[in-house]
Amino acid sequence: MFLGDDLSYVERNLIAGEEVVFQTKHHWIVMLRSFLPGAALDVAGIAGLIYVLAQKDWPANGRNAALLAAAVAVIAGSLLTVYGMMKRNATEMVVTNKRVIVKTGLLQRNTFEMLLSRIESIGVQEPVLGRMLGYGTVILRGVGGTPDEFDLIAKPLAFRSHVQEQIEKEKK
């Protein structure tokens, strides 16, 4: 999305008569992959800054190098955390009254679209932690195709239910 662009990818690409029925994205747990190392770098960098600033007898060159290293750690940690948030927010998983649309990617966009009439089966896998926290893997299989898996989806059972409801409505 570009600055000033208020519509999501899905909203910009709906076909005539198509309406969004359900929308989800990656579960917040995907952010842990970047948040945990980011937080560790931030803590180490801040601790380093405090330590260096508390020292009075360091030579100027050593002090400046230590301050720079600590600042780089804080900046890198913050960037990792922001990256995780952006990655989560860059994912759209939508059920419409005509198809399933999944868009992922920050700089490089990957899209998956399947008409409801072409869906042969939909499954959900939830690990124990996923059941407790509300995430899982959605597996879509198109008619005569290979399964497409979407990992760490928030509300996977609701996603499946909405797909099934729309398929039933389409049959009537």
N, C-alpha and C. Protein backbone atom coordinates (compact mmCIF):
# COMPACT_ATOMS: atom_id res chain seq x y z
N MET A 1 0.82 -1.17 0.00
CA MET A 1 0.00 0.00 0.00
C MET A 1 0.88 1.24 0.00
N PHE A 2 0.42 2.24 -0.68
CA PHE A 2 1.15 3.50 -0.72
C PHE A 2 0.55 4.46 0.28
N LEU A 3 1.33 5.46 0.66
CA LEU A 3 0.84 6.44 1.61
C LEU A 3 -0.40 7.13 1.04
N GLY A 4 -1.41 7.31 1.89
CA GLY A 4 -2.62 7.97 1.45
C GLY A 4 -3.62 7.02 0.81
N ASP A 5 -3.25 5.77 0.65
CA ASP A 5 -4.12 4.78 0.03
C ASP A 5 -4.90 4.08 1.15
N ASP A 6 -6.18 4.41 1.31
CA ASP A 6 -6.96 3.90 2.43
C ASP A 6 -7.55 2.52 2.18
N LEU A 7 -7.63 2.07 0.94
CA LEU A 7 -8.23 0.78 0.64
C LEU A 7 -7.20 -0.33 0.74
N SER A 8 -7.64 -1.47 1.25
CA SER A 8 -6.76 -2.63 1.31
C SER A 8 -6.64 -3.24 -0.09
N TYR A 9 -5.71 -4.17 -0.23
CA TYR A 9 -5.53 -4.86 -1.51
C TYR A 9 -6.84 -5.51 -1.94
N VAL A 10 -7.49 -6.21 -1.01
CA VAL A 10 -8.73 -6.91 -1.33
C VAL A 10 -9.81 -5.93 -1.76
N GLU A 11 -9.98 -4.85 -1.02
CA GLU A 11 -11.02 -3.87 -1.36
C GLU A 11 -10.79 -3.28 -2.75
N ARG A 12 -9.53 -3.10 -3.13
CA ARG A 12 -9.22 -2.54 -4.46
C ARG A 12 -9.45 -3.55 -5.57
N ASN A 13 -9.53 -4.86 -5.22
CA ASN A 13 -9.59 -5.89 -6.25
C ASN A 13 -10.86 -6.73 -6.20
N LEU A 14 -11.91 -6.21 -5.60
CA LEU A 14 -13.18 -6.94 -5.61
C LEU A 14 -13.78 -6.87 -7.00
N ILE A 15 -14.46 -7.96 -7.40
CA ILE A 15 -15.12 -7.98 -8.70
C ILE A 15 -16.57 -7.54 -8.52
N ALA A 16 -17.26 -7.27 -9.61
CA ALA A 16 -18.63 -6.77 -9.56
C ALA A 16 -19.52 -7.70 -8.73
N GLY A 17 -20.26 -7.13 -7.79
CA GLY A 17 -21.17 -7.90 -6.96
C GLY A 17 -20.51 -8.66 -5.82
N GLU A 18 -19.24 -8.47 -5.63
CA GLU A 18 -18.52 -9.21 -4.59
C GLU A 18 -18.48 -8.40 -3.29
N GLU A 19 -18.71 -9.09 -2.18
CA GLU A 19 -18.70 -8.45 -0.87
C GLU A 19 -17.84 -9.26 0.09
N VAL A 20 -17.11 -8.57 0.95
CA VAL A 20 -16.30 -9.22 1.97
C VAL A 20 -17.24 -9.76 3.05
N VAL A 21 -17.09 -11.05 3.36
CA VAL A 21 -17.90 -11.71 4.38
C VAL A 21 -17.12 -11.87 5.67
N PHE A 22 -15.85 -12.20 5.56
CA PHE A 22 -15.01 -12.44 6.74
C PHE A 22 -13.58 -12.07 6.38
N GLN A 23 -12.88 -11.47 7.36
CA GLN A 23 -11.49 -11.09 7.13
C GLN A 23 -10.68 -11.41 8.37
N THR A 24 -9.49 -11.94 8.16
CA THR A 24 -8.55 -12.20 9.26
C THR A 24 -7.15 -11.94 8.73
N LYS A 25 -6.16 -12.19 9.57
CA LYS A 25 -4.76 -12.02 9.17
C LYS A 25 -3.93 -12.97 10.00
N HIS A 26 -2.62 -12.83 9.91
CA HIS A 26 -1.77 -13.64 10.76
C HIS A 26 -2.10 -13.36 12.22
N HIS A 27 -1.94 -14.37 13.03
CA HIS A 27 -2.12 -14.22 14.47
C HIS A 27 -0.96 -13.39 15.01
N TRP A 28 -1.18 -12.72 16.14
CA TRP A 28 -0.11 -11.88 16.71
C TRP A 28 1.14 -12.67 17.06
N ILE A 29 1.01 -13.98 17.18
CA ILE A 29 2.18 -14.80 17.54
C ILE A 29 3.28 -14.74 16.48
N VAL A 30 2.94 -14.40 15.24
CA VAL A 30 3.99 -14.29 14.20
C VAL A 30 4.97 -13.18 14.53
N MET A 31 4.52 -12.21 15.31
CA MET A 31 5.40 -11.10 15.66
C MET A 31 6.48 -11.52 16.65
N LEU A 32 6.29 -12.64 17.34
CA LEU A 32 7.29 -13.08 18.32
C LEU A 32 8.63 -13.38 17.66
N ARG A 33 8.61 -13.83 16.40
CA ARG A 33 9.85 -14.15 15.69
C ARG A 33 10.76 -12.93 15.53
N SER A 34 10.16 -11.76 15.45
CA SER A 34 10.98 -10.55 15.35
C SER A 34 10.97 -9.76 16.65
N PHE A 35 9.90 -9.87 17.43
CA PHE A 35 9.81 -9.10 18.66
C PHE A 35 10.81 -9.57 19.72
N LEU A 36 10.93 -10.88 19.90
CA LEU A 36 11.84 -11.39 20.94
C LEU A 36 13.29 -10.99 20.70
N PRO A 37 13.85 -11.23 19.48
CA PRO A 37 15.22 -10.76 19.26
C PRO A 37 15.32 -9.24 19.28
N GLY A 38 14.26 -8.57 18.80
CA GLY A 38 14.26 -7.10 18.82
C GLY A 38 14.29 -6.56 20.24
N ALA A 39 13.48 -7.16 21.11
CA ALA A 39 13.46 -6.73 22.51
C ALA A 39 14.80 -7.02 23.19
N ALA A 40 15.40 -8.17 22.86
CA ALA A 40 16.71 -8.51 23.44
C ALA A 40 17.76 -7.48 23.01
N LEU A 41 17.74 -7.11 21.75
CA LEU A 41 18.69 -6.09 21.27
C LEU A 41 18.43 -4.74 21.95
N ASP A 42 17.15 -4.38 22.09
CA ASP A 42 16.81 -3.11 22.75
C ASP A 42 17.30 -3.09 24.19
N VAL A 43 17.04 -4.17 24.92
CA VAL A 43 17.47 -4.24 26.33
C VAL A 43 19.00 -4.18 26.42
N ALA A 44 19.68 -4.95 25.56
CA ALA A 44 21.15 -4.94 25.59
C ALA A 44 21.68 -3.55 25.23
N GLY A 45 21.08 -2.93 24.23
CA GLY A 45 21.53 -1.60 23.82
C GLY A 45 21.30 -0.55 24.89
N ILE A 46 20.15 -0.59 25.53
CA ILE A 46 19.84 0.38 26.59
C ILE A 46 20.76 0.15 27.79
N ALA A 47 20.95 -1.12 28.13
CA ALA A 47 21.88 -1.43 29.24
C ALA A 47 23.28 -0.94 28.91
N GLY A 48 23.68 -1.15 27.65
CA GLY A 48 24.99 -0.66 27.22
C GLY A 48 25.10 0.85 27.31
N LEU A 49 24.06 1.54 26.88
CA LEU A 49 24.05 3.01 26.96
C LEU A 49 24.18 3.47 28.41
N ILE A 50 23.39 2.86 29.28
CA ILE A 50 23.44 3.24 30.70
C ILE A 50 24.83 2.98 31.28
N TYR A 51 25.38 1.83 30.97
CA TYR A 51 26.71 1.47 31.49
C TYR A 51 27.77 2.47 31.01
N VAL A 52 27.75 2.75 29.71
CA VAL A 52 28.77 3.65 29.14
C VAL A 52 28.62 5.06 29.71
N LEU A 53 27.39 5.53 29.82
CA LEU A 53 27.18 6.88 30.35
C LEU A 53 27.55 6.98 31.83
N ALA A 54 27.46 5.87 32.56
CA ALA A 54 27.82 5.88 33.99
C ALA A 54 29.33 5.87 34.20
N GLN A 55 30.10 5.46 33.20
CA GLN A 55 31.57 5.41 33.31
C GLN A 55 32.15 6.80 33.06
N LYS A 56 32.98 7.25 33.97
CA LYS A 56 33.57 8.59 33.84
C LYS A 56 35.00 8.57 33.30
N ASP A 57 35.68 7.43 33.42
CA ASP A 57 37.11 7.41 33.10
C ASP A 57 37.45 6.69 31.80
N TRP A 58 36.50 6.53 30.90
CA TRP A 58 36.81 5.90 29.61
C TRP A 58 37.46 6.90 28.68
N PRO A 59 38.39 6.42 27.85
CA PRO A 59 38.94 7.32 26.83
C PRO A 59 37.84 7.68 25.82
N ALA A 60 37.96 8.82 25.24
CA ALA A 60 36.91 9.33 24.33
C ALA A 60 36.62 8.38 23.18
N ASN A 61 37.69 7.83 22.55
CA ASN A 61 37.47 6.93 21.41
C ASN A 61 36.69 5.68 21.82
N GLY A 62 37.07 5.07 22.93
CA GLY A 62 36.39 3.87 23.41
C GLY A 62 34.96 4.16 23.81
N ARG A 63 34.77 5.31 24.44
CA ARG A 63 33.42 5.70 24.87
C ARG A 63 32.52 5.91 23.66
N ASN A 64 33.02 6.61 22.65
CA ASN A 64 32.23 6.87 21.44
C ASN A 64 31.89 5.57 20.71
N ALA A 65 32.85 4.66 20.64
CA ALA A 65 32.61 3.37 19.98
C ALA A 65 31.56 2.56 20.74
N ALA A 66 31.63 2.57 22.06
CA ALA A 66 30.65 1.83 22.87
C ALA A 66 29.26 2.45 22.75
N LEU A 67 29.20 3.78 22.75
CA LEU A 67 27.92 4.47 22.57
C LEU A 67 27.31 4.14 21.20
N LEU A 68 28.16 4.14 20.19
CA LEU A 68 27.69 3.81 18.84
C LEU A 68 27.17 2.39 18.78
N ALA A 69 27.90 1.45 19.36
CA ALA A 69 27.46 0.04 19.35
C ALA A 69 26.13 -0.12 20.09
N ALA A 70 25.98 0.54 21.22
CA ALA A 70 24.73 0.45 21.98
C ALA A 70 23.57 1.08 21.19
N ALA A 71 23.83 2.22 20.55
CA ALA A 71 22.78 2.87 19.76
C ALA A 71 22.38 2.01 18.56
N VAL A 72 23.34 1.38 17.92
CA VAL A 72 23.04 0.49 16.79
C VAL A 72 22.18 -0.68 17.27
N ALA A 73 22.48 -1.22 18.45
CA ALA A 73 21.68 -2.33 18.99
C ALA A 73 20.24 -1.89 19.23
N VAL A 74 20.05 -0.70 19.79
CA VAL A 74 18.69 -0.19 20.04
C VAL A 74 17.95 0.03 18.73
N ILE A 75 18.61 0.62 17.76
CA ILE A 75 17.97 0.88 16.46
C ILE A 75 17.63 -0.44 15.77
N ALA A 76 18.57 -1.40 15.77
CA ALA A 76 18.32 -2.70 15.13
C ALA A 76 17.16 -3.42 15.81
N GLY A 77 17.11 -3.39 17.13
CA GLY A 77 16.02 -4.02 17.86
C GLY A 77 14.68 -3.39 17.53
N SER A 78 14.66 -2.08 17.46
CA SER A 78 13.42 -1.37 17.12
C SER A 78 12.97 -1.69 15.70
N LEU A 79 13.93 -1.74 14.78
CA LEU A 79 13.59 -2.07 13.39
C LEU A 79 13.04 -3.49 13.27
N LEU A 80 13.61 -4.44 14.01
CA LEU A 80 13.09 -5.81 14.00
C LEU A 80 11.64 -5.85 14.50
N THR A 81 11.36 -5.13 15.55
CA THR A 81 10.01 -5.10 16.10
C THR A 81 9.03 -4.49 15.11
N VAL A 82 9.40 -3.39 14.50
CA VAL A 82 8.55 -2.73 13.51
C VAL A 82 8.34 -3.65 12.30
N TYR A 83 9.38 -4.36 11.88
CA TYR A 83 9.26 -5.30 10.77
C TYR A 83 8.20 -6.37 11.06
N GLY A 84 8.22 -6.91 12.27
CA GLY A 84 7.23 -7.93 12.64
C GLY A 84 5.82 -7.39 12.58
N MET A 85 5.63 -6.17 13.06
CA MET A 85 4.30 -5.56 13.01
C MET A 85 3.86 -5.32 11.57
N MET A 86 4.77 -4.85 10.74
CA MET A 86 4.44 -4.59 9.34
C MET A 86 4.13 -5.89 8.60
N LYS A 87 4.89 -6.93 8.90
CA LYS A 87 4.66 -8.22 8.25
C LYS A 87 3.27 -8.74 8.58
N ARG A 88 2.89 -8.66 9.84
CA ARG A 88 1.55 -9.12 10.25
C ARG A 88 0.47 -8.29 9.56
N ASN A 89 0.65 -6.99 9.55
CA ASN A 89 -0.37 -6.12 8.97
C ASN A 89 -0.40 -6.17 7.44
N ALA A 90 0.63 -6.70 6.82
CA ALA A 90 0.67 -6.79 5.36
C ALA A 90 -0.04 -8.04 4.85
N THR A 91 -0.60 -8.83 5.74
CA THR A 91 -1.28 -10.06 5.35
C THR A 91 -2.79 -9.86 5.44
N GLU A 92 -3.48 -10.21 4.37
CA GLU A 92 -4.94 -10.15 4.33
C GLU A 92 -5.45 -11.52 3.93
N MET A 93 -6.40 -12.04 4.69
CA MET A 93 -7.04 -13.31 4.38
C MET A 93 -8.54 -13.08 4.43
N VAL A 94 -9.17 -13.21 3.29
CA VAL A 94 -10.55 -12.77 3.16
C VAL A 94 -11.41 -13.85 2.51
N VAL A 95 -12.63 -13.96 3.03
CA VAL A 95 -13.67 -14.75 2.40
C VAL A 95 -14.69 -13.76 1.87
N THR A 96 -14.99 -13.85 0.58
CA THR A 96 -16.05 -13.02 0.01
C THR A 96 -17.21 -13.94 -0.37
N ASN A 97 -18.24 -13.37 -0.92
CA ASN A 97 -19.37 -14.19 -1.37
C ASN A 97 -19.07 -14.91 -2.68
N LYS A 98 -17.85 -14.72 -3.24
CA LYS A 98 -17.49 -15.38 -4.50
C LYS A 98 -16.19 -16.16 -4.46
N ARG A 99 -15.25 -15.78 -3.56
CA ARG A 99 -13.94 -16.42 -3.58
C ARG A 99 -13.21 -16.24 -2.25
N VAL A 100 -12.09 -16.93 -2.14
CA VAL A 100 -11.16 -16.78 -1.02
C VAL A 100 -9.94 -16.05 -1.58
N ILE A 101 -9.50 -15.02 -0.85
CA ILE A 101 -8.35 -14.23 -1.28
C ILE A 101 -7.35 -14.16 -0.13
N VAL A 102 -6.09 -14.46 -0.43
CA VAL A 102 -5.02 -14.34 0.56
C VAL A 102 -3.90 -13.52 -0.08
N LYS A 103 -3.53 -12.43 0.60
CA LYS A 103 -2.44 -11.58 0.12
C LYS A 103 -1.40 -11.49 1.23
N THR A 104 -0.15 -11.79 0.90
CA THR A 104 0.94 -11.68 1.85
C THR A 104 2.07 -10.88 1.23
N GLY A 105 2.98 -10.44 2.05
CA GLY A 105 4.19 -9.78 1.56
C GLY A 105 4.22 -8.30 1.82
N LEU A 106 5.43 -7.84 2.16
CA LEU A 106 5.65 -6.42 2.38
C LEU A 106 6.06 -5.73 1.09
N LEU A 107 7.24 -6.06 0.61
CA LEU A 107 7.73 -5.45 -0.62
C LEU A 107 7.34 -6.29 -1.84
N GLN A 108 7.44 -7.58 -1.70
CA GLN A 108 7.05 -8.49 -2.77
C GLN A 108 5.69 -9.07 -2.40
N ARG A 109 4.70 -8.86 -3.25
CA ARG A 109 3.34 -9.29 -2.97
C ARG A 109 3.10 -10.69 -3.53
N ASN A 110 2.50 -11.54 -2.72
CA ASN A 110 2.07 -12.87 -3.15
C ASN A 110 0.57 -12.96 -2.92
N THR A 111 -0.15 -13.36 -3.94
CA THR A 111 -1.61 -13.48 -3.79
C THR A 111 -2.06 -14.88 -4.15
N PHE A 112 -3.13 -15.29 -3.49
CA PHE A 112 -3.79 -16.57 -3.74
C PHE A 112 -5.27 -16.25 -3.82
N GLU A 113 -5.90 -16.67 -4.90
CA GLU A 113 -7.33 -16.45 -5.05
C GLU A 113 -7.95 -17.73 -5.59
N MET A 114 -9.07 -18.12 -4.99
CA MET A 114 -9.76 -19.31 -5.46
C MET A 114 -11.26 -19.07 -5.40
N LEU A 115 -11.92 -19.33 -6.51
CA LEU A 115 -13.39 -19.22 -6.53
C LEU A 115 -13.98 -20.26 -5.59
N LEU A 116 -15.03 -19.89 -4.91
CA LEU A 116 -15.67 -20.83 -3.97
C LEU A 116 -16.10 -22.11 -4.68
N SER A 117 -16.54 -21.99 -5.91
CA SER A 117 -17.00 -23.16 -6.67
C SER A 117 -15.87 -24.13 -6.99
N ARG A 118 -14.62 -23.69 -6.85
CA ARG A 118 -13.47 -24.53 -7.17
C ARG A 118 -12.84 -25.17 -5.93
N ILE A 119 -13.39 -24.87 -4.76
CA ILE A 119 -12.85 -25.44 -3.53
C ILE A 119 -13.41 -26.83 -3.32
N GLU A 120 -12.51 -27.79 -3.24
CA GLU A 120 -12.89 -29.19 -3.02
C GLU A 120 -12.97 -29.50 -1.53
N SER A 121 -12.01 -28.99 -0.75
CA SER A 121 -12.04 -29.21 0.71
C SER A 121 -11.27 -28.11 1.40
N ILE A 122 -11.60 -27.94 2.68
CA ILE A 122 -10.89 -26.97 3.51
C ILE A 122 -10.69 -27.62 4.87
N GLY A 123 -9.47 -27.57 5.36
CA GLY A 123 -9.15 -28.17 6.65
C GLY A 123 -8.43 -27.18 7.54
N VAL A 124 -8.42 -27.50 8.82
CA VAL A 124 -7.74 -26.66 9.81
C VAL A 124 -6.89 -27.56 10.70
N GLN A 125 -5.66 -27.16 10.91
CA GLN A 125 -4.79 -27.84 11.88
C GLN A 125 -4.47 -26.84 12.97
N GLU A 126 -4.72 -27.25 14.22
CA GLU A 126 -4.43 -26.38 15.36
C GLU A 126 -3.55 -27.13 16.35
N PRO A 127 -2.36 -26.64 16.60
CA PRO A 127 -1.56 -27.25 17.68
C PRO A 127 -2.21 -26.89 19.02
N VAL A 128 -1.76 -27.52 20.09
CA VAL A 128 -2.34 -27.27 21.41
C VAL A 128 -2.29 -25.78 21.75
N LEU A 129 -1.12 -25.15 21.57
CA LEU A 129 -1.00 -23.72 21.86
C LEU A 129 -1.91 -22.91 20.94
N GLY A 130 -2.05 -23.35 19.69
CA GLY A 130 -2.93 -22.67 18.75
C GLY A 130 -4.38 -22.72 19.17
N ARG A 131 -4.80 -23.84 19.71
CA ARG A 131 -6.18 -23.95 20.22
C ARG A 131 -6.40 -22.98 21.38
N MET A 132 -5.39 -22.86 22.24
CA MET A 132 -5.53 -21.97 23.40
C MET A 132 -5.49 -20.50 23.00
N LEU A 133 -4.65 -20.16 22.02
CA LEU A 133 -4.46 -18.76 21.64
C LEU A 133 -5.26 -18.34 20.41
N GLY A 134 -5.85 -19.29 19.70
CA GLY A 134 -6.69 -18.94 18.56
C GLY A 134 -5.98 -18.80 17.23
N TYR A 135 -5.04 -19.70 16.95
CA TYR A 135 -4.40 -19.68 15.63
C TYR A 135 -4.23 -21.10 15.12
N GLY A 136 -3.99 -21.21 13.82
CA GLY A 136 -3.79 -22.52 13.22
C GLY A 136 -3.43 -22.39 11.76
N THR A 137 -3.40 -23.53 11.10
CA THR A 137 -3.10 -23.60 9.67
C THR A 137 -4.38 -23.94 8.92
N VAL A 138 -4.68 -23.17 7.90
CA VAL A 138 -5.82 -23.44 7.03
C VAL A 138 -5.28 -24.09 5.77
N ILE A 139 -5.91 -25.22 5.39
CA ILE A 139 -5.46 -25.95 4.20
C ILE A 139 -6.62 -25.97 3.20
N LEU A 140 -6.41 -25.32 2.06
CA LEU A 140 -7.41 -25.28 0.99
C LEU A 140 -6.96 -26.18 -0.15
N ARG A 141 -7.88 -26.99 -0.63
CA ARG A 141 -7.59 -27.83 -1.79
C ARG A 141 -8.62 -27.50 -2.86
N GLY A 142 -8.11 -27.09 -4.01
CA GLY A 142 -8.97 -26.82 -5.15
C GLY A 142 -9.27 -28.09 -5.90
N VAL A 143 -10.28 -28.05 -6.74
CA VAL A 143 -10.67 -29.22 -7.53
C VAL A 143 -9.47 -29.68 -8.36
N GLY A 144 -9.04 -30.92 -8.10
CA GLY A 144 -7.94 -31.51 -8.84
C GLY A 144 -6.59 -30.88 -8.58
N GLY A 145 -6.47 -30.07 -7.55
CA GLY A 145 -5.21 -29.38 -7.30
C GLY A 145 -4.51 -29.87 -6.06
N THR A 146 -3.38 -29.31 -5.83
CA THR A 146 -2.61 -29.62 -4.62
C THR A 146 -3.07 -28.71 -3.49
N PRO A 147 -2.89 -29.13 -2.26
CA PRO A 147 -3.34 -28.29 -1.14
C PRO A 147 -2.47 -27.05 -0.97
N ASP A 148 -3.09 -25.95 -0.61
CA ASP A 148 -2.40 -24.71 -0.29
C ASP A 148 -2.56 -24.47 1.20
N GLU A 149 -1.44 -24.31 1.91
CA GLU A 149 -1.47 -24.13 3.36
C GLU A 149 -1.14 -22.69 3.73
N PHE A 150 -1.90 -22.18 4.70
CA PHE A 150 -1.69 -20.84 5.21
C PHE A 150 -1.50 -20.96 6.72
N ASP A 151 -0.27 -20.70 7.17
CA ASP A 151 0.13 -20.93 8.56
C ASP A 151 -0.14 -19.73 9.46
N LEU A 152 -0.31 -20.03 10.73
CA LEU A 152 -0.44 -19.04 11.80
C LEU A 152 -1.56 -18.03 11.54
N ILE A 153 -2.69 -18.55 11.10
CA ILE A 153 -3.85 -17.73 10.81
C ILE A 153 -4.64 -17.50 12.09
N ALA A 154 -5.05 -16.26 12.33
CA ALA A 154 -5.93 -15.96 13.45
C ALA A 154 -7.34 -16.44 13.09
N LYS A 155 -8.03 -17.01 14.04
CA LYS A 155 -9.42 -17.48 13.88
C LYS A 155 -9.59 -18.45 12.72
N PRO A 156 -8.81 -19.53 12.67
CA PRO A 156 -8.90 -20.45 11.52
C PRO A 156 -10.24 -21.17 11.43
N LEU A 157 -10.85 -21.50 12.56
CA LEU A 157 -12.15 -22.19 12.51
C LEU A 157 -13.24 -21.27 11.98
N ALA A 158 -13.21 -20.00 12.36
CA ALA A 158 -14.17 -19.03 11.84
C ALA A 158 -13.96 -18.85 10.33
N PHE A 159 -12.70 -18.81 9.91
CA PHE A 159 -12.39 -18.70 8.48
C PHE A 159 -13.01 -19.87 7.72
N ARG A 160 -12.77 -21.10 8.21
CA ARG A 160 -13.33 -22.30 7.58
C ARG A 160 -14.85 -22.25 7.55
N SER A 161 -15.47 -21.87 8.66
CA SER A 161 -16.93 -21.81 8.73
C SER A 161 -17.51 -20.85 7.70
N HIS A 162 -16.87 -19.69 7.56
CA HIS A 162 -17.36 -18.71 6.58
C HIS A 162 -17.20 -19.22 5.15
N VAL A 163 -16.10 -19.91 4.88
CA VAL A 163 -15.93 -20.49 3.55
C VAL A 163 -17.04 -21.50 3.29
N GLN A 164 -17.28 -22.39 4.25
CA GLN A 164 -18.31 -23.41 4.08
C GLN A 164 -19.70 -22.79 3.92
N GLU A 165 -20.01 -21.76 4.70
CA GLU A 165 -21.30 -21.08 4.58
C GLU A 165 -21.47 -20.46 3.20
N GLN A 166 -20.43 -19.84 2.68
CA GLN A 166 -20.53 -19.22 1.36
C GLN A 166 -20.66 -20.26 0.25
N ILE A 167 -20.00 -21.39 0.42
CA ILE A 167 -20.14 -22.46 -0.57
C ILE A 167 -21.58 -22.98 -0.57
N GLU A 168 -22.17 -23.14 0.60
CA GLU A 168 -23.56 -23.59 0.69
C GLU A 168 -24.52 -22.58 0.10
N LYS A 169 -24.29 -21.29 0.36
CA LYS A 169 -25.15 -20.23 -0.21
C LYS A 169 -25.05 -20.23 -1.73
N GLU A 170 -23.85 -20.48 -2.25
CA GLU A 170 -23.64 -20.47 -3.70
C GLU A 170 -24.38 -21.62 -4.37
N LYS A 171 -24.54 -22.74 -3.66
CA LYS A 171 -25.23 -23.91 -4.22
C LYS A 171 -26.73 -23.65 -4.39
N LYS A 172 -27.28 -22.78 -3.56
CA LYS A 172 -28.74 -22.52 -3.60
C LYS A 172 -29.14 -21.61 -4.72
